[in-house]
Amino acid sequence: MDWLLLIAFLVVLLISSAGGFALYRFVRKIQQEFQRHQPALRISNMSAMNAGEVVTVTPEVENVGGGVAHDCIVQLGGWEGNFAVKSMYPKGPRYQRHSVPIVLGQDAPIRRKLLSRCYLRLAYRDRWKQRYECWYPVAQAKNVNTSLYDIQIDLSHPELTEPHPSFREMWKMLRRTSSND
């Protein structure tokens, strides 16, 4: 009787292990497919030009992810303008980088006064209207010649705000996408 219980236990253990492994592979496949559809806007290059009292900073924004980014906005704290693009595509036939000229004259708030927290912000949505944001810290340094503040944007330490849907939400979104395509 003891051998029969041991064999039954081993069979149940083997079947549940195989089922667990199949479930793990299914979940991993859905997560990887969902990641392939995600956009990722980043600043790939930055140039700055100083002409007297005017500083022009030009970040190049590109989509390094796998999906299309919609409703893209570039904003800088202390800068009155913003830059918007309807859609940015990943590498492929419709891919392009966008240069965003940010002209900061002597009347720009970021140049006149010290701000407590200042960021360059990239905001966009994916195909399911989920919101993504990428924040680049901006440092201000007092220019002794002009008494205005110059800015430095740290591209190496962005803060990312991304949605983290559950497996069920990912699966539903992917099913909606495959039925619409």
N, C-alpha and C. Protein backbone atom coordinates (compact mmCIF):
# COMPACT_ATOMS: atom_id res chain seq x y z
N MET A 1 0.82 -1.19 0.00
CA MET A 1 0.00 0.00 0.00
C MET A 1 0.86 1.26 0.00
N ASP A 2 2.01 1.20 0.69
CA ASP A 2 2.89 2.36 0.72
C ASP A 2 3.46 2.67 -0.65
N TRP A 3 3.77 1.63 -1.44
CA TRP A 3 4.31 1.87 -2.78
C TRP A 3 3.27 2.51 -3.69
N LEU A 4 2.04 2.12 -3.55
CA LEU A 4 0.97 2.67 -4.37
C LEU A 4 0.78 4.16 -4.07
N LEU A 5 0.85 4.54 -2.81
CA LEU A 5 0.76 5.96 -2.43
C LEU A 5 1.94 6.75 -2.97
N LEU A 6 3.12 6.18 -2.89
CA LEU A 6 4.31 6.86 -3.39
C LEU A 6 4.25 7.05 -4.91
N ILE A 7 3.80 6.03 -5.63
CA ILE A 7 3.67 6.14 -7.09
C ILE A 7 2.62 7.18 -7.45
N ALA A 8 1.49 7.18 -6.76
CA ALA A 8 0.44 8.16 -7.02
C ALA A 8 0.95 9.58 -6.74
N PHE A 9 1.69 9.74 -5.66
CA PHE A 9 2.26 11.04 -5.33
C PHE A 9 3.23 11.51 -6.41
N LEU A 10 4.09 10.60 -6.89
CA LEU A 10 5.04 10.94 -7.94
C LEU A 10 4.34 11.30 -9.26
N VAL A 11 3.27 10.60 -9.59
CA VAL A 11 2.52 10.90 -10.81
C VAL A 11 1.87 12.27 -10.71
N VAL A 12 1.25 12.57 -9.57
CA VAL A 12 0.64 13.89 -9.36
C VAL A 12 1.71 14.98 -9.39
N LEU A 13 2.85 14.73 -8.79
CA LEU A 13 3.95 15.70 -8.80
C LEU A 13 4.46 15.94 -10.22
N LEU A 14 4.60 14.88 -11.00
CA LEU A 14 5.06 15.00 -12.38
C LEU A 14 4.06 15.77 -13.24
N ILE A 15 2.78 15.48 -13.11
CA ILE A 15 1.75 16.17 -13.89
C ILE A 15 1.66 17.64 -13.49
N SER A 16 1.72 17.92 -12.19
CA SER A 16 1.64 19.32 -11.76
C SER A 16 2.90 20.10 -12.16
N SER A 17 4.05 19.45 -12.16
CA SER A 17 5.27 20.11 -12.62
C SER A 17 5.19 20.45 -14.10
N ALA A 18 4.71 19.52 -14.89
CA ALA A 18 4.55 19.77 -16.33
C ALA A 18 3.52 20.89 -16.57
N GLY A 19 2.44 20.88 -15.83
CA GLY A 19 1.44 21.94 -15.95
C GLY A 19 1.99 23.29 -15.52
N GLY A 20 2.75 23.31 -14.45
CA GLY A 20 3.37 24.56 -13.99
C GLY A 20 4.36 25.11 -15.00
N PHE A 21 5.15 24.22 -15.60
CA PHE A 21 6.11 24.64 -16.61
C PHE A 21 5.39 25.19 -17.85
N ALA A 22 4.31 24.54 -18.27
CA ALA A 22 3.55 25.02 -19.43
C ALA A 22 2.91 26.37 -19.12
N LEU A 23 2.41 26.55 -17.92
CA LEU A 23 1.82 27.83 -17.52
C LEU A 23 2.89 28.92 -17.48
N TYR A 24 4.07 28.60 -16.97
CA TYR A 24 5.18 29.56 -16.94
C TYR A 24 5.56 29.99 -18.35
N ARG A 25 5.66 29.04 -19.28
CA ARG A 25 6.01 29.38 -20.67
C ARG A 25 4.95 30.24 -21.31
N PHE A 26 3.67 29.97 -21.03
CA PHE A 26 2.58 30.76 -21.59
C PHE A 26 2.63 32.20 -21.06
N VAL A 27 2.82 32.35 -19.77
CA VAL A 27 2.90 33.70 -19.16
C VAL A 27 4.11 34.44 -19.72
N ARG A 28 5.23 33.79 -19.82
CA ARG A 28 6.45 34.43 -20.33
C ARG A 28 6.28 34.86 -21.79
N LYS A 29 5.62 34.02 -22.59
CA LYS A 29 5.37 34.35 -24.00
C LYS A 29 4.49 35.59 -24.12
N ILE A 30 3.44 35.69 -23.33
CA ILE A 30 2.55 36.86 -23.35
C ILE A 30 3.31 38.11 -22.92
N GLN A 31 4.12 38.01 -21.87
CA GLN A 31 4.89 39.17 -21.40
C GLN A 31 5.89 39.65 -22.46
N GLN A 32 6.57 38.72 -23.12
CA GLN A 32 7.53 39.10 -24.16
C GLN A 32 6.83 39.72 -25.37
N GLU A 33 5.69 39.18 -25.75
CA GLU A 33 4.94 39.76 -26.87
C GLU A 33 4.45 41.16 -26.51
N PHE A 34 4.00 41.35 -25.29
CA PHE A 34 3.56 42.67 -24.84
C PHE A 34 4.73 43.66 -24.87
N GLN A 35 5.91 43.23 -24.43
CA GLN A 35 7.09 44.09 -24.45
C GLN A 35 7.49 44.49 -25.87
N ARG A 36 7.29 43.61 -26.82
CA ARG A 36 7.62 43.93 -28.21
C ARG A 36 6.77 45.07 -28.77
N HIS A 37 5.58 45.27 -28.22
CA HIS A 37 4.67 46.32 -28.68
C HIS A 37 4.84 47.63 -27.92
N GLN A 38 5.75 47.69 -26.97
CA GLN A 38 5.89 48.89 -26.15
C GLN A 38 6.84 49.91 -26.76
N PRO A 39 6.42 51.19 -26.82
CA PRO A 39 7.33 52.24 -27.28
C PRO A 39 8.27 52.65 -26.14
N ALA A 40 9.35 53.29 -26.50
CA ALA A 40 10.30 53.82 -25.50
C ALA A 40 10.98 55.05 -26.10
N LEU A 41 10.48 56.23 -25.77
CA LEU A 41 11.10 57.46 -26.25
C LEU A 41 12.28 57.80 -25.35
N ARG A 42 13.39 58.15 -25.97
CA ARG A 42 14.58 58.55 -25.23
C ARG A 42 15.28 59.67 -25.98
N ILE A 43 16.08 60.42 -25.24
CA ILE A 43 16.91 61.44 -25.85
C ILE A 43 18.23 60.76 -26.21
N SER A 44 18.54 60.73 -27.50
CA SER A 44 19.73 60.03 -27.95
C SER A 44 20.93 60.95 -28.09
N ASN A 45 20.68 62.24 -28.28
CA ASN A 45 21.77 63.18 -28.47
C ASN A 45 21.31 64.55 -27.99
N MET A 46 22.26 65.36 -27.55
CA MET A 46 21.93 66.70 -27.05
C MET A 46 23.00 67.66 -27.54
N SER A 47 22.55 68.80 -28.04
CA SER A 47 23.49 69.85 -28.41
C SER A 47 23.04 71.15 -27.77
N ALA A 48 24.00 72.01 -27.50
CA ALA A 48 23.70 73.31 -26.88
C ALA A 48 24.50 74.39 -27.60
N MET A 49 23.86 75.54 -27.74
CA MET A 49 24.51 76.67 -28.37
C MET A 49 24.25 77.91 -27.51
N ASN A 50 25.31 78.64 -27.22
CA ASN A 50 25.22 79.84 -26.40
C ASN A 50 25.56 81.04 -27.28
N ALA A 51 24.59 81.94 -27.45
CA ALA A 51 24.80 83.14 -28.27
C ALA A 51 24.44 84.36 -27.42
N GLY A 52 25.40 84.85 -26.73
CA GLY A 52 25.16 86.02 -25.87
C GLY A 52 24.27 85.68 -24.69
N GLU A 53 23.10 86.27 -24.65
CA GLU A 53 22.15 86.06 -23.56
C GLU A 53 21.18 84.90 -23.84
N VAL A 54 21.27 84.30 -25.00
CA VAL A 54 20.33 83.25 -25.41
C VAL A 54 21.05 81.90 -25.46
N VAL A 55 20.45 80.90 -24.82
CA VAL A 55 20.95 79.53 -24.86
C VAL A 55 19.92 78.68 -25.60
N THR A 56 20.38 77.93 -26.58
CA THR A 56 19.50 77.02 -27.32
C THR A 56 19.97 75.60 -27.05
N VAL A 57 19.12 74.82 -26.46
CA VAL A 57 19.38 73.41 -26.18
C VAL A 57 18.53 72.60 -27.16
N THR A 58 19.16 71.64 -27.84
CA THR A 58 18.44 70.85 -28.84
C THR A 58 18.60 69.36 -28.56
N PRO A 59 17.64 68.77 -27.85
CA PRO A 59 17.68 67.31 -27.67
C PRO A 59 17.10 66.62 -28.91
N GLU A 60 17.67 65.47 -29.25
CA GLU A 60 17.14 64.62 -30.31
C GLU A 60 16.37 63.49 -29.66
N VAL A 61 15.10 63.40 -30.00
CA VAL A 61 14.21 62.39 -29.40
C VAL A 61 13.98 61.30 -30.44
N GLU A 62 14.10 60.04 -29.99
CA GLU A 62 13.83 58.91 -30.88
C GLU A 62 13.12 57.81 -30.12
N ASN A 63 12.43 56.96 -30.85
CA ASN A 63 11.72 55.83 -30.29
C ASN A 63 12.62 54.61 -30.39
N VAL A 64 13.15 54.14 -29.26
CA VAL A 64 14.04 52.98 -29.25
C VAL A 64 13.30 51.70 -28.90
N GLY A 65 11.98 51.81 -28.68
CA GLY A 65 11.17 50.64 -28.37
C GLY A 65 10.70 49.92 -29.62
N GLY A 66 9.75 49.01 -29.44
CA GLY A 66 9.26 48.23 -30.56
C GLY A 66 7.91 48.67 -31.08
N GLY A 67 7.19 49.53 -30.34
CA GLY A 67 5.86 49.94 -30.75
C GLY A 67 5.81 51.42 -31.07
N VAL A 68 4.68 51.85 -31.60
CA VAL A 68 4.47 53.25 -31.96
C VAL A 68 4.10 54.04 -30.72
N ALA A 69 4.74 55.20 -30.54
CA ALA A 69 4.41 56.11 -29.43
C ALA A 69 3.45 57.17 -29.96
N HIS A 70 2.35 57.39 -29.26
CA HIS A 70 1.33 58.35 -29.67
C HIS A 70 1.30 59.53 -28.70
N ASP A 71 0.83 60.67 -29.19
CA ASP A 71 0.64 61.88 -28.38
C ASP A 71 1.91 62.25 -27.62
N CYS A 72 3.01 62.38 -28.33
CA CYS A 72 4.33 62.62 -27.74
C CYS A 72 4.49 64.12 -27.41
N ILE A 73 4.98 64.39 -26.22
CA ILE A 73 5.18 65.77 -25.77
C ILE A 73 6.56 65.88 -25.12
N VAL A 74 7.27 66.97 -25.41
CA VAL A 74 8.53 67.29 -24.76
C VAL A 74 8.34 68.62 -24.05
N GLN A 75 8.60 68.65 -22.75
CA GLN A 75 8.45 69.87 -21.96
C GLN A 75 9.67 70.04 -21.06
N LEU A 76 9.97 71.29 -20.77
CA LEU A 76 11.06 71.62 -19.85
C LEU A 76 10.50 72.56 -18.81
N GLY A 77 10.70 72.22 -17.52
CA GLY A 77 10.26 73.10 -16.44
C GLY A 77 10.96 74.45 -16.55
N GLY A 78 10.20 75.53 -16.49
CA GLY A 78 10.78 76.85 -16.60
C GLY A 78 10.91 77.32 -18.04
N TRP A 79 10.37 76.55 -18.98
CA TRP A 79 10.33 76.94 -20.38
C TRP A 79 8.87 77.04 -20.76
N GLU A 80 8.48 78.11 -21.38
CA GLU A 80 7.07 78.37 -21.66
C GLU A 80 6.51 77.53 -22.80
N GLY A 81 7.35 76.98 -23.64
CA GLY A 81 6.87 76.22 -24.79
C GLY A 81 6.81 74.74 -24.53
N ASN A 82 6.37 74.02 -25.54
CA ASN A 82 6.46 72.57 -25.55
C ASN A 82 6.51 72.10 -26.99
N PHE A 83 6.82 70.85 -27.18
CA PHE A 83 6.94 70.26 -28.51
C PHE A 83 6.05 69.04 -28.53
N ALA A 84 5.21 68.92 -29.57
CA ALA A 84 4.29 67.79 -29.65
C ALA A 84 4.37 67.14 -31.03
N VAL A 85 4.30 65.82 -31.03
CA VAL A 85 4.27 65.02 -32.26
C VAL A 85 3.14 64.01 -32.09
N LYS A 86 2.35 63.82 -33.12
CA LYS A 86 1.22 62.89 -33.05
C LYS A 86 1.68 61.45 -32.83
N SER A 87 2.67 60.99 -33.62
CA SER A 87 3.15 59.61 -33.51
C SER A 87 4.64 59.54 -33.82
N MET A 88 5.34 58.70 -33.08
CA MET A 88 6.75 58.42 -33.35
C MET A 88 6.89 56.92 -33.52
N TYR A 89 7.51 56.53 -34.63
CA TYR A 89 7.60 55.13 -34.99
C TYR A 89 8.96 54.55 -34.60
N PRO A 90 9.00 53.25 -34.32
CA PRO A 90 10.29 52.59 -34.02
C PRO A 90 11.08 52.39 -35.30
N LYS A 91 12.25 51.80 -35.18
CA LYS A 91 13.12 51.54 -36.34
C LYS A 91 12.32 50.80 -37.41
N GLY A 92 12.43 51.30 -38.61
CA GLY A 92 11.68 50.72 -39.73
C GLY A 92 11.47 51.78 -40.79
N PRO A 93 10.52 51.55 -41.70
CA PRO A 93 10.35 52.49 -42.82
C PRO A 93 9.86 53.88 -42.42
N ARG A 94 9.11 54.01 -41.34
CA ARG A 94 8.57 55.32 -40.96
C ARG A 94 9.35 55.96 -39.81
N TYR A 95 10.48 55.40 -39.46
CA TYR A 95 11.30 55.88 -38.34
C TYR A 95 11.92 57.23 -38.66
N GLN A 96 11.93 58.12 -37.67
CA GLN A 96 12.70 59.35 -37.78
C GLN A 96 12.95 59.92 -36.39
N ARG A 97 14.07 60.63 -36.27
CA ARG A 97 14.40 61.34 -35.04
C ARG A 97 13.83 62.74 -35.13
N HIS A 98 13.50 63.29 -33.98
CA HIS A 98 12.98 64.65 -33.94
C HIS A 98 13.93 65.51 -33.11
N SER A 99 14.38 66.61 -33.68
CA SER A 99 15.20 67.58 -32.96
C SER A 99 14.27 68.64 -32.40
N VAL A 100 14.41 68.91 -31.11
CA VAL A 100 13.52 69.84 -30.42
C VAL A 100 14.34 71.05 -29.98
N PRO A 101 14.28 72.16 -30.72
CA PRO A 101 15.02 73.35 -30.29
C PRO A 101 14.31 74.05 -29.13
N ILE A 102 15.01 74.16 -28.02
CA ILE A 102 14.49 74.85 -26.83
C ILE A 102 15.30 76.13 -26.68
N VAL A 103 14.68 77.25 -27.02
CA VAL A 103 15.35 78.55 -26.98
C VAL A 103 15.04 79.19 -25.63
N LEU A 104 16.10 79.46 -24.86
CA LEU A 104 15.96 80.04 -23.54
C LEU A 104 16.64 81.41 -23.53
N GLY A 105 15.83 82.43 -23.63
CA GLY A 105 16.35 83.79 -23.57
C GLY A 105 16.52 84.24 -22.13
N GLN A 106 16.87 85.50 -21.96
CA GLN A 106 17.09 86.01 -20.60
C GLN A 106 15.78 86.18 -19.83
N ASP A 107 14.63 86.14 -20.50
CA ASP A 107 13.36 86.27 -19.81
C ASP A 107 12.75 84.92 -19.42
N ALA A 108 13.38 83.80 -19.79
CA ALA A 108 12.87 82.47 -19.44
C ALA A 108 13.01 82.26 -17.93
N PRO A 109 11.95 81.78 -17.27
CA PRO A 109 12.01 81.57 -15.81
C PRO A 109 13.14 80.66 -15.35
N ILE A 110 13.50 79.67 -16.16
CA ILE A 110 14.58 78.75 -15.76
C ILE A 110 15.94 79.44 -15.78
N ARG A 111 16.06 80.55 -16.50
CA ARG A 111 17.32 81.29 -16.56
C ARG A 111 17.37 82.41 -15.53
N ARG A 112 16.21 82.91 -15.08
CA ARG A 112 16.19 84.05 -14.16
C ARG A 112 16.28 83.65 -12.70
N LYS A 113 15.62 82.55 -12.32
CA LYS A 113 15.59 82.18 -10.90
C LYS A 113 15.91 80.69 -10.72
N LEU A 114 16.38 80.38 -9.55
CA LEU A 114 16.71 79.00 -9.22
C LEU A 114 15.43 78.24 -8.90
N LEU A 115 15.21 77.13 -9.60
CA LEU A 115 14.02 76.31 -9.39
C LEU A 115 14.37 75.14 -8.48
N SER A 116 13.45 74.75 -7.61
CA SER A 116 13.74 73.69 -6.66
C SER A 116 13.92 72.33 -7.35
N ARG A 117 13.04 71.98 -8.24
CA ARG A 117 13.16 70.73 -9.00
C ARG A 117 12.85 71.03 -10.44
N CYS A 118 13.73 70.69 -11.32
CA CYS A 118 13.54 70.99 -12.73
C CYS A 118 13.84 69.74 -13.55
N TYR A 119 12.96 69.44 -14.50
CA TYR A 119 13.12 68.24 -15.32
C TYR A 119 12.80 68.54 -16.78
N LEU A 120 13.43 67.78 -17.66
CA LEU A 120 13.03 67.71 -19.05
C LEU A 120 12.15 66.47 -19.14
N ARG A 121 10.92 66.63 -19.61
CA ARG A 121 9.93 65.55 -19.56
C ARG A 121 9.53 65.11 -20.96
N LEU A 122 9.55 63.81 -21.18
CA LEU A 122 9.00 63.19 -22.39
C LEU A 122 7.77 62.41 -21.95
N ALA A 123 6.63 62.70 -22.53
CA ALA A 123 5.39 62.00 -22.20
C ALA A 123 4.79 61.44 -23.49
N TYR A 124 4.26 60.24 -23.41
CA TYR A 124 3.67 59.60 -24.59
C TYR A 124 2.74 58.49 -24.15
N ARG A 125 1.99 57.96 -25.11
CA ARG A 125 1.07 56.84 -24.86
C ARG A 125 1.38 55.70 -25.82
N ASP A 126 1.01 54.49 -25.42
CA ASP A 126 1.17 53.36 -26.32
C ASP A 126 -0.14 53.13 -27.08
N ARG A 127 -0.22 52.06 -27.81
CA ARG A 127 -1.42 51.81 -28.64
C ARG A 127 -2.67 51.55 -27.82
N TRP A 128 -2.52 51.23 -26.54
CA TRP A 128 -3.65 50.99 -25.66
C TRP A 128 -3.95 52.19 -24.77
N LYS A 129 -3.37 53.34 -25.07
CA LYS A 129 -3.58 54.61 -24.37
C LYS A 129 -3.00 54.62 -22.96
N GLN A 130 -2.06 53.74 -22.66
CA GLN A 130 -1.37 53.77 -21.38
C GLN A 130 -0.32 54.88 -21.40
N ARG A 131 -0.17 55.60 -20.30
CA ARG A 131 0.71 56.76 -20.23
C ARG A 131 2.11 56.36 -19.78
N TYR A 132 3.13 56.90 -20.47
CA TYR A 132 4.54 56.70 -20.15
C TYR A 132 5.17 58.08 -19.99
N GLU A 133 6.12 58.20 -19.09
CA GLU A 133 6.86 59.44 -18.93
C GLU A 133 8.32 59.13 -18.64
N CYS A 134 9.18 59.96 -19.18
CA CYS A 134 10.61 59.85 -18.96
C CYS A 134 11.09 61.22 -18.50
N TRP A 135 11.68 61.29 -17.31
CA TRP A 135 12.08 62.56 -16.70
C TRP A 135 13.61 62.62 -16.64
N TYR A 136 14.20 63.64 -17.24
CA TYR A 136 15.64 63.87 -17.18
C TYR A 136 15.91 65.02 -16.23
N PRO A 137 16.72 64.83 -15.20
CA PRO A 137 17.00 65.91 -14.26
C PRO A 137 17.79 67.04 -14.92
N VAL A 138 17.45 68.26 -14.53
CA VAL A 138 18.11 69.46 -15.06
C VAL A 138 18.75 70.19 -13.89
N ALA A 139 20.03 70.51 -14.05
CA ALA A 139 20.75 71.28 -13.03
C ALA A 139 20.95 72.70 -13.55
N GLN A 140 20.89 73.66 -12.64
CA GLN A 140 21.11 75.06 -12.99
C GLN A 140 22.41 75.53 -12.36
N ALA A 141 23.20 76.27 -13.13
CA ALA A 141 24.47 76.81 -12.64
C ALA A 141 24.49 78.30 -12.95
N LYS A 142 24.85 79.09 -11.96
CA LYS A 142 24.88 80.54 -12.11
C LYS A 142 26.04 80.93 -13.03
N ASN A 143 25.77 81.71 -14.05
CA ASN A 143 26.78 82.23 -14.95
C ASN A 143 27.27 83.55 -14.36
N VAL A 144 28.55 83.64 -14.01
CA VAL A 144 29.08 84.84 -13.34
C VAL A 144 29.14 86.04 -14.28
N ASN A 145 29.21 85.81 -15.57
CA ASN A 145 29.30 86.92 -16.52
C ASN A 145 27.95 87.60 -16.76
N THR A 146 26.87 86.83 -16.77
CA THR A 146 25.56 87.38 -17.11
C THR A 146 24.59 87.40 -15.94
N SER A 147 24.90 86.80 -14.84
CA SER A 147 24.03 86.64 -13.67
C SER A 147 22.75 85.87 -13.98
N LEU A 148 22.74 85.14 -15.08
CA LEU A 148 21.64 84.25 -15.41
C LEU A 148 22.07 82.81 -15.11
N TYR A 149 21.11 81.92 -15.10
CA TYR A 149 21.41 80.51 -14.84
C TYR A 149 21.57 79.77 -16.17
N ASP A 150 22.63 78.98 -16.28
CA ASP A 150 22.80 78.06 -17.39
C ASP A 150 22.28 76.71 -16.95
N ILE A 151 21.86 75.88 -17.90
CA ILE A 151 21.30 74.58 -17.52
C ILE A 151 22.16 73.44 -18.05
N GLN A 152 22.10 72.32 -17.33
CA GLN A 152 22.76 71.09 -17.72
C GLN A 152 21.74 69.97 -17.54
N ILE A 153 21.53 69.18 -18.59
CA ILE A 153 20.55 68.10 -18.56
C ILE A 153 21.31 66.78 -18.46
N ASP A 154 20.97 65.99 -17.44
CA ASP A 154 21.62 64.71 -17.18
C ASP A 154 20.89 63.62 -17.96
N LEU A 155 21.48 63.17 -19.06
CA LEU A 155 20.86 62.15 -19.90
C LEU A 155 21.11 60.73 -19.40
N SER A 156 22.03 60.58 -18.48
CA SER A 156 22.41 59.23 -18.05
C SER A 156 21.55 58.68 -16.92
N HIS A 157 20.74 59.51 -16.27
CA HIS A 157 19.93 59.03 -15.14
C HIS A 157 18.46 59.45 -15.27
N PRO A 158 17.76 58.97 -16.31
CA PRO A 158 16.35 59.34 -16.42
C PRO A 158 15.50 58.56 -15.42
N GLU A 159 14.41 59.18 -15.00
CA GLU A 159 13.42 58.52 -14.15
C GLU A 159 12.26 58.13 -15.04
N LEU A 160 11.88 56.87 -15.01
CA LEU A 160 10.82 56.37 -15.88
C LEU A 160 9.55 56.14 -15.09
N THR A 161 8.44 56.57 -15.66
CA THR A 161 7.12 56.29 -15.10
C THR A 161 6.39 55.47 -16.16
N GLU A 162 6.20 54.20 -15.88
CA GLU A 162 5.60 53.29 -16.84
C GLU A 162 4.46 52.53 -16.19
N PRO A 163 3.45 52.16 -16.96
CA PRO A 163 2.38 51.33 -16.40
C PRO A 163 2.87 49.90 -16.19
N HIS A 164 2.32 49.25 -15.21
CA HIS A 164 2.67 47.85 -14.94
C HIS A 164 1.38 47.04 -14.89
N PRO A 165 0.85 46.70 -16.08
CA PRO A 165 -0.41 45.94 -16.09
C PRO A 165 -0.20 44.52 -15.60
N SER A 166 -1.26 43.94 -15.09
CA SER A 166 -1.21 42.55 -14.66
C SER A 166 -1.17 41.65 -15.89
N PHE A 167 -0.91 40.38 -15.67
CA PHE A 167 -0.86 39.43 -16.78
C PHE A 167 -2.20 39.39 -17.50
N ARG A 168 -3.27 39.41 -16.76
CA ARG A 168 -4.61 39.36 -17.36
C ARG A 168 -4.86 40.57 -18.25
N GLU A 169 -4.46 41.77 -17.78
CA GLU A 169 -4.63 42.98 -18.58
C GLU A 169 -3.79 42.91 -19.85
N MET A 170 -2.54 42.42 -19.74
CA MET A 170 -1.69 42.25 -20.92
C MET A 170 -2.35 41.32 -21.92
N TRP A 171 -2.86 40.22 -21.44
CA TRP A 171 -3.48 39.23 -22.31
C TRP A 171 -4.69 39.82 -23.02
N LYS A 172 -5.53 40.57 -22.29
CA LYS A 172 -6.71 41.21 -22.89
C LYS A 172 -6.30 42.21 -23.96
N MET A 173 -5.27 43.04 -23.66
CA MET A 173 -4.84 44.04 -24.63
C MET A 173 -4.29 43.38 -25.89
N LEU A 174 -3.50 42.33 -25.73
CA LEU A 174 -2.95 41.63 -26.90
C LEU A 174 -4.04 40.95 -27.71
N ARG A 175 -5.05 40.41 -27.06
CA ARG A 175 -6.16 39.78 -27.77
C ARG A 175 -6.94 40.82 -28.56
N ARG A 176 -7.14 42.01 -27.96
CA ARG A 176 -7.83 43.09 -28.68
C ARG A 176 -7.02 43.52 -29.90
N THR A 177 -5.70 43.58 -29.75
CA THR A 177 -4.83 43.99 -30.84
C THR A 177 -4.88 42.99 -31.98
N SER A 178 -4.77 41.70 -31.65
CA SER A 178 -4.75 40.69 -32.71
C SER A 178 -6.10 40.60 -33.41
N SER A 179 -7.19 40.89 -32.73
CA SER A 179 -8.51 40.86 -33.38
C SER A 179 -8.72 42.10 -34.25
N ASN A 180 -8.04 43.23 -33.91
CA ASN A 180 -8.17 44.46 -34.69
C ASN A 180 -7.24 44.47 -35.90
N ASP A 181 -6.14 43.74 -35.86
CA ASP A 181 -5.14 43.77 -36.94
C ASP A 181 -5.58 43.00 -38.15
